[in-house]
N, C-alpha and C. Protein backbone atom coordinates (compact mmCIF):
# COMPACT_ATOMS: atom_id res chain seq x y z
N UNK A 1 116.28 154.57 238.28
CA UNK A 1 116.40 152.80 238.14
C UNK A 1 117.89 152.34 237.40
N UNK A 2 118.39 153.45 236.71
CA UNK A 2 119.98 153.46 236.21
C UNK A 2 120.90 153.51 237.14
N UNK A 3 120.43 154.43 238.52
CA UNK A 3 121.30 155.22 239.44
C UNK A 3 121.49 153.41 240.12
N UNK A 4 121.11 152.61 240.42
CA UNK A 4 120.64 151.46 241.17
C UNK A 4 121.69 150.56 240.40
N UNK A 5 121.82 150.72 239.22
CA UNK A 5 122.66 149.30 238.43
C UNK A 5 124.16 149.30 238.83
N UNK A 6 124.69 150.46 239.42
CA UNK A 6 126.10 150.41 239.61
C UNK A 6 126.16 149.81 240.94
N UNK A 7 125.04 149.48 241.54
CA UNK A 7 125.13 148.67 243.04
C UNK A 7 124.88 147.29 242.84
N UNK A 8 124.71 146.72 241.54
CA UNK A 8 124.18 145.62 241.30
C UNK A 8 125.56 144.64 241.37
N UNK A 9 126.31 144.56 241.04
CA UNK A 9 127.80 143.93 241.19
C UNK A 9 127.84 143.67 242.48
N UNK A 10 128.27 144.44 243.83
CA UNK A 10 128.39 144.48 244.73
C UNK A 10 127.25 143.80 245.58
N UNK A 11 125.72 144.24 245.23
CA UNK A 11 124.66 143.57 245.67
C UNK A 11 124.89 142.20 245.88
N UNK A 12 125.03 141.81 244.51
CA UNK A 12 124.82 140.13 244.36
C UNK A 12 126.21 139.21 245.19
N UNK A 13 127.15 140.13 245.23
CA UNK A 13 128.54 139.60 245.69
C UNK A 13 128.07 139.33 247.23
N UNK A 14 127.38 140.40 247.78
CA UNK A 14 126.93 139.91 249.28
C UNK A 14 126.01 139.18 249.29
N UNK A 15 124.93 139.03 248.61
CA UNK A 15 123.90 137.83 248.66
C UNK A 15 124.41 136.47 248.53
N UNK A 16 125.48 136.35 247.60
CA UNK A 16 126.08 135.23 247.18
C UNK A 16 127.01 134.50 248.42
N UNK A 17 127.83 135.83 249.30
CA UNK A 17 128.76 135.51 250.42
C UNK A 17 127.60 135.07 251.50
N UNK A 18 126.88 135.72 251.60
CA UNK A 18 125.61 135.40 252.89
C UNK A 18 125.35 134.39 252.71
N UNK A 19 124.58 133.96 251.62
CA UNK A 19 123.77 132.79 250.95
C UNK A 19 124.77 131.82 251.72
N UNK A 20 125.75 131.63 250.78
CA UNK A 20 126.90 130.70 250.79
C UNK A 20 127.37 130.46 252.04
N UNK A 21 127.93 131.48 252.85
CA UNK A 21 128.18 130.81 254.21
C UNK A 21 127.21 130.44 255.32
N UNK A 22 126.01 131.04 255.08
CA UNK A 22 124.73 130.23 255.89
C UNK A 22 124.67 128.87 255.64
N UNK A 23 124.82 128.59 254.13
CA UNK A 23 124.51 127.14 253.86
C UNK A 23 125.72 126.21 254.38
N UNK A 24 126.74 127.06 254.28
CA UNK A 24 128.26 126.13 254.74
C UNK A 24 127.82 126.12 256.49
N UNK A 25 127.51 126.88 257.01
CA UNK A 25 127.01 126.68 258.58
C UNK A 25 126.49 125.42 259.11
N UNK A 26 125.65 125.45 258.02
CA UNK A 26 124.75 124.16 257.91
C UNK A 26 125.43 122.59 257.95
N UNK A 27 126.62 122.60 256.96
CA UNK A 27 127.52 121.51 256.79
C UNK A 27 128.23 121.63 257.90
N UNK A 28 128.73 122.91 258.16
CA UNK A 28 129.96 122.61 259.48
C UNK A 28 128.90 121.87 260.74
N UNK A 29 127.96 122.18 261.05
CA UNK A 29 127.55 121.85 262.17
C UNK A 29 127.42 120.15 262.18
N UNK A 30 126.93 119.55 260.93
CA UNK A 30 126.91 118.52 260.82
C UNK A 30 128.40 117.46 260.78
N UNK A 31 129.26 118.34 259.84
CA UNK A 31 130.57 117.32 259.81
C UNK A 31 131.31 117.95 261.06
N UNK A 32 131.15 118.95 261.48
CA UNK A 32 132.67 119.22 262.22
C UNK A 32 132.04 119.77 263.65
N UNK A 33 130.68 119.78 263.97
CA UNK A 33 130.04 120.03 265.15
C UNK A 33 129.98 121.46 265.52
N UNK A 34 130.47 122.12 264.29
CA UNK A 34 130.39 123.80 264.67
C UNK A 34 129.67 124.64 263.70
N UNK A 35 128.66 125.45 264.16
CA UNK A 35 128.66 125.80 265.55
C UNK A 35 127.73 125.18 266.18
N UNK A 36 128.49 124.91 267.92
CA UNK A 36 127.33 123.98 268.43
C UNK A 36 125.56 124.04 268.63
N UNK A 37 124.86 123.07 268.58
CA UNK A 37 123.65 122.88 268.97
C UNK A 37 123.37 122.17 270.07
N UNK A 38 122.29 122.59 270.49
CA UNK A 38 121.99 121.70 271.91
C UNK A 38 121.75 120.62 271.67
N UNK A 39 121.27 119.83 270.66
CA UNK A 39 120.54 118.61 270.17
C UNK A 39 121.49 118.28 269.44
N UNK A 40 122.73 117.30 269.13
CA UNK A 40 123.04 117.07 267.69
C UNK A 40 122.37 115.71 267.39
N UNK A 41 122.26 115.62 265.86
CA UNK A 41 121.54 114.44 265.08
C UNK A 41 122.78 113.62 264.80
N UNK A 42 122.23 112.34 264.73
CA UNK A 42 123.43 111.32 264.32
C UNK A 42 123.00 111.51 262.70
N UNK A 43 123.82 111.03 261.73
CA UNK A 43 123.97 110.81 260.91
C UNK A 43 124.08 109.82 259.91
N UNK A 44 123.12 109.32 258.89
CA UNK A 44 123.42 108.22 257.93
C UNK A 44 124.55 108.85 256.64
N UNK A 45 124.69 107.96 256.16
CA UNK A 45 125.10 108.49 255.02
C UNK A 45 125.05 109.08 254.07
N UNK A 46 123.68 109.18 253.65
CA UNK A 46 123.24 110.35 252.91
C UNK A 46 123.12 111.55 253.66
N UNK A 47 123.14 111.59 254.76
CA UNK A 47 123.15 112.90 255.99
C UNK A 47 124.91 113.71 255.82
N UNK A 48 125.78 112.27 255.70
CA UNK A 48 127.03 112.97 255.69
C UNK A 48 127.32 113.86 254.50
N UNK A 49 126.91 113.14 253.55
CA UNK A 49 127.48 113.38 252.26
C UNK A 49 126.62 114.91 251.86
N UNK A 50 125.29 114.77 252.20
CA UNK A 50 124.63 116.28 252.55
C UNK A 50 125.42 117.31 253.06
N UNK A 51 126.23 116.52 254.12
CA UNK A 51 127.06 117.80 255.27
C UNK A 51 128.13 118.00 254.39
N UNK A 52 128.71 117.61 253.63
CA UNK A 52 130.24 117.69 252.83
C UNK A 52 129.73 118.74 252.09
N UNK A 53 128.43 118.44 251.09
CA UNK A 53 128.20 119.26 250.20
C UNK A 53 127.71 120.44 250.48
N UNK A 54 126.99 120.37 251.79
CA UNK A 54 126.60 121.95 252.24
C UNK A 54 128.05 122.78 252.84
N UNK A 55 129.13 121.88 252.94
CA UNK A 55 130.25 122.55 253.87
C UNK A 55 131.12 123.26 252.81
N UNK A 56 131.09 122.09 251.83
CA UNK A 56 132.52 123.03 250.74
C UNK A 56 131.12 123.92 249.44
N UNK A 57 130.37 123.09 249.29
CA UNK A 57 129.46 123.97 248.14
C UNK A 57 128.98 125.19 248.80
N UNK A 58 128.69 125.42 249.82
CA UNK A 58 128.34 126.87 250.47
C UNK A 58 129.99 127.20 250.43
N UNK A 59 131.13 126.97 250.95
CA UNK A 59 131.75 127.76 250.86
C UNK A 59 132.37 128.51 249.53
N UNK A 60 132.33 127.40 248.36
CA UNK A 60 132.72 127.80 247.32
C UNK A 60 131.71 128.76 246.90
N UNK A 61 130.44 128.62 247.01
CA UNK A 61 129.77 129.83 246.35
C UNK A 61 129.64 130.81 246.73
N UNK A 62 130.29 130.96 248.23
CA UNK A 62 130.44 132.05 249.12
C UNK A 62 131.37 133.12 248.32
N UNK A 63 132.41 132.55 248.04
CA UNK A 63 133.79 133.07 247.50
C UNK A 63 133.68 133.17 245.86
N UNK A 64 132.84 132.64 245.22
CA UNK A 64 132.60 132.10 243.80
C UNK A 64 133.61 131.84 243.08
N UNK A 65 133.60 130.68 243.55
CA UNK A 65 135.13 129.59 243.20
C UNK A 65 134.44 128.57 242.17
N UNK A 66 134.19 127.69 241.16
CA UNK A 66 133.79 126.87 240.42
C UNK A 66 132.12 127.33 240.90
N UNK A 67 131.37 128.58 240.73
CA UNK A 67 130.44 128.77 241.33
C UNK A 67 129.42 128.12 240.91
N UNK A 68 128.95 127.88 239.54
CA UNK A 68 128.01 127.36 238.76
C UNK A 68 128.12 125.68 239.20
N UNK A 69 129.40 124.94 239.11
CA UNK A 69 129.20 123.98 239.32
C UNK A 69 128.62 123.35 241.03
N UNK A 70 128.94 124.30 241.88
CA UNK A 70 128.58 124.00 243.04
C UNK A 70 127.25 124.56 243.43
N UNK A 71 126.57 125.55 242.58
CA UNK A 71 125.48 125.99 242.73
C UNK A 71 124.53 124.73 242.16
N UNK A 72 124.78 124.32 241.53
CA UNK A 72 124.46 123.36 240.44
C UNK A 72 123.96 121.93 241.44
N UNK A 73 125.05 121.64 241.90
CA UNK A 73 125.05 120.64 242.98
C UNK A 73 124.34 120.78 244.20
N UNK A 74 124.75 121.61 244.86
CA UNK A 74 123.80 122.64 245.85
C UNK A 74 122.44 122.43 245.96
N UNK A 75 121.96 122.89 244.62
CA UNK A 75 120.27 122.83 244.41
C UNK A 75 119.78 121.72 244.43
N UNK A 76 120.58 120.74 243.63
CA UNK A 76 119.97 119.63 243.36
C UNK A 76 120.20 118.57 244.84
N UNK A 77 120.38 119.07 245.33
CA UNK A 77 120.81 118.22 246.71
C UNK A 77 119.65 119.18 247.81
N UNK A 78 119.75 120.25 247.83
CA UNK A 78 118.30 120.80 248.12
C UNK A 78 116.81 120.18 247.60
N UNK A 79 116.95 120.04 246.62
CA UNK A 79 115.75 119.69 246.17
C UNK A 79 115.32 117.86 246.58
N UNK A 80 116.57 117.26 246.43
CA UNK A 80 116.35 115.99 246.89
C UNK A 80 116.21 115.55 248.51
N UNK A 81 116.79 116.84 249.28
CA UNK A 81 116.36 116.95 250.32
C UNK A 81 115.24 117.29 251.07
N UNK A 82 114.68 118.08 250.12
CA UNK A 82 112.95 118.90 250.22
C UNK A 82 112.39 117.47 250.33
N UNK A 83 112.37 116.54 249.28
CA UNK A 83 111.64 115.46 249.01
C UNK A 83 111.42 114.08 249.80
N UNK A 84 113.02 113.89 249.97
CA UNK A 84 113.25 112.83 250.73
C UNK A 84 112.59 113.02 252.32
N UNK A 85 112.62 114.28 252.63
CA UNK A 85 112.95 114.40 254.35
C UNK A 85 111.47 115.47 254.35
N UNK A 86 111.29 116.53 253.95
CA UNK A 86 110.57 117.01 254.12
C UNK A 86 108.69 116.99 253.78
N UNK A 87 108.94 116.26 252.23
CA UNK A 87 107.47 116.21 251.89
C UNK A 87 106.50 115.01 252.33
N UNK A 88 107.25 114.35 253.28
CA UNK A 88 106.72 113.13 253.83
C UNK A 88 105.79 113.93 254.81
N UNK A 89 106.47 115.11 255.23
CA UNK A 89 105.48 115.56 256.31
C UNK A 89 104.16 116.56 255.74
N UNK A 90 103.84 116.67 254.38
CA UNK A 90 102.88 117.40 254.07
C UNK A 90 102.96 117.98 252.76
N UNK A 91 102.50 118.47 252.09
CA UNK A 91 102.52 119.26 250.70
C UNK A 91 102.94 120.54 250.92
N UNK A 92 102.72 121.39 251.71
CA UNK A 92 102.94 122.86 251.88
C UNK A 92 104.15 122.62 252.62
N UNK A 93 105.43 123.85 252.31
CA UNK A 93 106.83 123.97 252.46
C UNK A 93 106.45 124.72 254.14
N UNK A 94 105.50 125.48 254.42
CA UNK A 94 105.09 126.13 255.81
C UNK A 94 104.71 125.00 256.49
N UNK A 95 104.13 124.02 256.17
CA UNK A 95 103.51 122.93 257.34
C UNK A 95 104.78 121.83 257.32
N UNK A 96 105.58 121.38 256.18
CA UNK A 96 106.60 120.29 256.43
C UNK A 96 108.05 120.80 256.85
N UNK A 97 107.91 122.16 257.45
CA UNK A 97 109.14 122.85 257.95
C UNK A 97 110.09 122.82 256.48
N UNK A 98 109.85 122.44 255.23
CA UNK A 98 111.01 122.68 254.09
C UNK A 98 111.09 123.73 253.72
N UNK A 99 110.50 125.17 254.00
CA UNK A 99 110.77 126.23 253.06
C UNK A 99 112.43 126.76 253.36
N UNK A 100 113.24 126.21 254.38
CA UNK A 100 114.72 126.67 253.85
C UNK A 100 115.18 126.02 253.08
N UNK A 101 114.71 124.41 252.84
CA UNK A 101 115.09 123.87 251.59
C UNK A 101 114.74 124.21 250.00
N UNK A 102 113.50 124.64 250.05
CA UNK A 102 112.78 125.36 248.88
C UNK A 102 113.67 126.85 248.76
N UNK A 103 114.41 127.42 249.19
CA UNK A 103 114.58 128.61 249.17
C UNK A 103 116.06 128.46 249.07
N UNK A 104 116.52 127.59 249.64
CA UNK A 104 118.11 127.37 249.23
C UNK A 104 118.21 127.15 247.44
N UNK A 105 117.42 125.72 247.25
CA UNK A 105 117.24 125.22 245.87
C UNK A 105 116.98 126.22 244.90
N UNK A 106 116.20 127.53 245.36
CA UNK A 106 115.74 127.96 243.83
C UNK A 106 116.99 129.19 244.00
N UNK A 107 117.78 129.77 245.26
CA UNK A 107 118.80 130.92 244.91
C UNK A 107 119.74 129.95 244.20
N UNK A 108 120.44 128.88 245.01
CA UNK A 108 121.25 128.14 243.99
C UNK A 108 121.08 127.81 242.41
N UNK A 109 119.73 127.82 241.90
CA UNK A 109 119.41 127.34 240.42
C UNK A 109 119.74 128.85 240.46
N UNK A 110 119.17 129.90 240.90
CA UNK A 110 119.55 131.59 240.23
C UNK A 110 120.84 131.47 240.16
N UNK A 111 121.58 131.27 241.35
CA UNK A 111 123.10 131.35 241.02
C UNK A 111 123.84 130.48 239.78
N UNK A 112 123.34 129.45 239.30
CA UNK A 112 123.59 128.58 238.54
C UNK A 112 123.51 129.29 237.25
N UNK A 113 122.44 129.75 237.07
CA UNK A 113 122.07 130.32 235.62
C UNK A 113 122.77 131.77 235.68
N UNK A 114 122.58 132.39 236.51
CA UNK A 114 123.63 133.84 236.54
C UNK A 114 124.62 133.76 236.54
N UNK A 115 125.41 132.66 237.16
CA UNK A 115 126.89 132.59 236.96
C UNK A 115 127.56 133.51 238.39
N UNK A 116 128.83 133.21 238.65
CA UNK A 116 129.48 133.88 239.79
C UNK A 116 129.80 135.18 239.76
N UNK A 117 129.05 136.22 239.18
CA UNK A 117 129.18 137.91 239.15
C UNK A 117 130.84 138.02 238.96
N UNK A 118 130.78 139.59 238.75
CA UNK A 118 132.22 140.38 238.24
C UNK A 118 132.84 140.19 239.74
N UNK A 119 132.54 140.11 241.10
CA UNK A 119 133.08 140.08 242.00
C UNK A 119 133.47 138.41 242.52
N UNK A 120 134.09 137.90 241.84
CA UNK A 120 134.21 136.24 242.32
C UNK A 120 135.48 135.82 242.01
N UNK A 121 135.96 134.93 242.68
CA UNK A 121 137.25 134.38 242.43
C UNK A 121 137.20 134.02 241.22
N UNK A 122 135.84 133.31 240.39
CA UNK A 122 136.15 132.98 239.13
C UNK A 122 136.30 133.88 238.23
N UNK A 123 135.72 135.17 238.85
CA UNK A 123 136.27 136.44 238.31
C UNK A 123 137.41 136.75 237.69
N UNK A 124 138.55 136.96 238.82
CA UNK A 124 139.53 136.95 239.40
C UNK A 124 140.59 135.83 238.33
N UNK A 125 140.41 134.70 238.46
CA UNK A 125 140.98 133.38 237.67
C UNK A 125 141.08 133.48 236.32
N UNK A 126 139.99 133.45 235.70
CA UNK A 126 139.29 133.34 234.44
C UNK A 126 138.72 134.96 234.22
N UNK A 127 139.44 135.95 233.82
CA UNK A 127 138.90 137.11 233.28
C UNK A 127 138.51 137.26 231.91
N UNK A 128 138.59 136.00 231.21
CA UNK A 128 137.94 136.44 229.96
C UNK A 128 136.64 135.83 229.90
N UNK A 129 136.35 134.83 230.95
CA UNK A 129 135.45 133.93 231.02
C UNK A 129 133.76 134.88 231.04
N UNK A 130 132.86 134.35 230.78
CA UNK A 130 131.41 135.28 231.05
C UNK A 130 130.96 134.82 232.11
N UNK A 131 131.12 136.17 233.09
CA UNK A 131 130.69 135.96 234.48
C UNK A 131 129.40 136.28 234.74
N UNK A 132 129.01 137.04 233.92
CA UNK A 132 127.07 137.30 234.29
C UNK A 132 126.37 138.03 232.85
N UNK A 133 125.55 138.51 232.93
CA UNK A 133 124.67 138.92 231.68
C UNK A 133 124.39 140.48 232.10
N UNK A 134 124.67 141.20 231.02
CA UNK A 134 124.46 142.76 231.25
C UNK A 134 122.80 142.94 231.14
N UNK A 135 122.33 144.16 231.06
CA UNK A 135 120.46 144.46 231.16
C UNK A 135 119.79 144.03 229.90
N UNK A 136 120.77 143.88 228.69
CA UNK A 136 120.02 143.00 227.78
C UNK A 136 120.19 141.75 227.37
N UNK A 137 120.82 141.64 228.11
CA UNK A 137 121.07 139.83 228.27
C UNK A 137 122.13 139.31 227.43
N UNK A 138 122.90 140.14 226.66
CA UNK A 138 124.44 139.88 226.50
C UNK A 138 125.72 139.49 227.31
N UNK A 139 126.48 138.73 226.84
CA UNK A 139 127.44 138.26 227.89
C UNK A 139 128.40 139.69 228.25
N UNK A 140 128.64 139.70 229.59
CA UNK A 140 129.30 140.32 230.25
C UNK A 140 130.94 139.90 230.42
N UNK A 141 131.84 140.55 230.44
CA UNK A 141 133.13 140.02 230.82
C UNK A 141 133.68 140.38 232.34
N UNK A 142 134.49 140.22 232.99
CA UNK A 142 135.07 141.04 234.08
C UNK A 142 135.46 142.13 234.23
N UNK A 143 136.03 142.34 232.73
CA UNK A 143 136.90 143.90 232.82
C UNK A 143 135.56 144.94 232.19
N UNK A 144 134.68 144.53 231.83
CA UNK A 144 133.85 145.43 230.98
C UNK A 144 133.26 146.17 231.94
N UNK A 145 132.70 147.35 231.76
CA UNK A 145 131.91 148.67 232.66
C UNK A 145 130.63 148.45 232.23
N UNK A 146 129.68 148.88 232.77
CA UNK A 146 128.27 149.15 232.27
C UNK A 146 128.14 150.56 231.54
């Protein structure tokens, strides 16, 4: 198991990057019309706000800038989206097609608590801040080695 620990930072960075970019693509679709979809939806005010949160929050999370704030806001927005849009269609996310909202909500909640990680813009800009936790729960700084 200790042999895998050296891959934890890059794996977390890749996960944060992929999830953030996927989330941003939802906002890009709503706000910019890119990537194009066959049937574009019309958005009300809350939909536009959600689109901007997805676009900006997703990019911030992807690159690890203001990560905790972006993850907290994005997690809350996905919880609201689930209950306002999907929960009306039934209790179970698989039935009401809300599983992406639930997954994003909890991934962003995890990112909020875990932090940006060492491989992030937050870690580059503020190297003395706590960016992660080591395996025993103590604070880990950007330059610290396992």
